[in-house]
Amino acid sequence: MRRVVIAGVGMTRFGKQVGRGLRSMSVEASEQAFAMAGMDFADAQRVYFGNAIAGTVTQQVMIRGQVAFRGHPLGQLPTINVENACASGGSAFLLAVEAVASGCADVVLALGAEQMHHEERNRPFHALRGSTDIEEIGESDPREESSNSILMDYYAGVAQRYLDDYGAEVEDFARIAVKNRNNAAHNPLAQLRKPQTIDDVVNGRMIVPPLTLPMCSPTTDGAAAIVVCSEERAKALGLPMIVVRACQNASGADGKPVEDAAAKAFDVAGLGARDCNVIELHDAAAPAELFQYQEIGLCDAGEGFRLLRDGATALGGAHPVNASGGLLSRGHALGATGCAQLHELVTQLRGEAQGRQIGGARLGLAVNGGGWLDGSYALSIVTILERLG
């Protein structure tokens, strides 16, 4: 298998962009990525297009990537559409890495894009029901008013169990939201950048106890693009060597997809989470970040809130987590999230993160989760990147 290098990344601003559409966002992010790579669009041989809910929100199904790049030079490339819940972007990247590693292609574009906002505000929330088992929860009535993601019901359940089992406090969930908002204040592409306090978070509008609104990721529109290539192509172009040390996925069938995917990635890379300088975790709700501390091995079971209180996961701490602002503050544009996490890792490893830059960052880790089944994600993708030289 060949070594794979990330040649370029691009990302739109995340936020509420009603009516902007997948085409505009996808083109913007992709053109940035190719510009960073110093490549022409014709240098690529394939596109993997990640999207989760356009079928419900905009009613574009089946050929989303082809439609997004219609009339653009990238539209001439073979395009494969990838739908894998909130891990659609991460899955697109995984497939791109495998295509280059196997020798099937030398240059591939992986892109995640999502238009969640719509004039009919119910649409994204109805779409999110499809991230779990519809036979179990039942179909929704399109006319039914809905203002919350069903996933927050599931997160609330595991959050309460965490509080009951380990002695953490609701304020610990608030600390996650405050930390990530502080980080997002330094990220010009983040959706929510205004600092908040623990009191602001705890006293926010209740969504599903114990989760308040600031503990839940916002509805977000945006796109992120990654150009991957072979090591030989990267060297010929004189690119910074941001290499993919591992990209592994796992099913949620056994209830521990993050642990399983992380274990496989660590085995391939020959290192662990504590070796990584910058970490992006899937904090679709604040408690999820705490769960993942233990799932990737930063701490023992139930010790995550202590790691947080000690400042270990803040900028300047031993294990900085979600320097981008995470899903809670950068925003969670579903199908774009996996690629957005990698955009942050590459930005950090290239030393271009400005006010949130983690000094000496050489190794980066990202966890992207998708869907919900049997008490956890339906799947998880764990990626490890390293800057050589």
Foldseek 3Di string as FASTA:
>chain_A
DFWKFFQFKFKAFKAADEPPDLLNQQVRGVVRGCVSNVHDLVLWAEEEEFEEFCCQAVVDDDPRVLVSQVPHPNNVHHYHYAYFWLCRQLVQVVVQRVCQRVPVIFKYKGKFWFNQDYPLNCRNQLSLVVLEDCVVVPHDDPVDDDDDHPVVVLVQVVVVVLCVPQVDDLLLLLLLLQQLLCLQLLAPRAHHNDHDDSCCQCPACDDDPPGHPLQAFDAMGMMMMIMMGGPVSCVVSVGFGWIWQFKFKDFCPVPQGLLVQLVVSCVSNVHALLVFQEEEEQSNGSVRVLCNCCSRPVDPPSCSSVCSVVVQCHQVHSYPYNSNSHCSISNRSRRRRSNVQVVVLVCQCVVNSPPSHRPPGFKYKYKTFRGDDDSGGRMIMMIMIGGDD
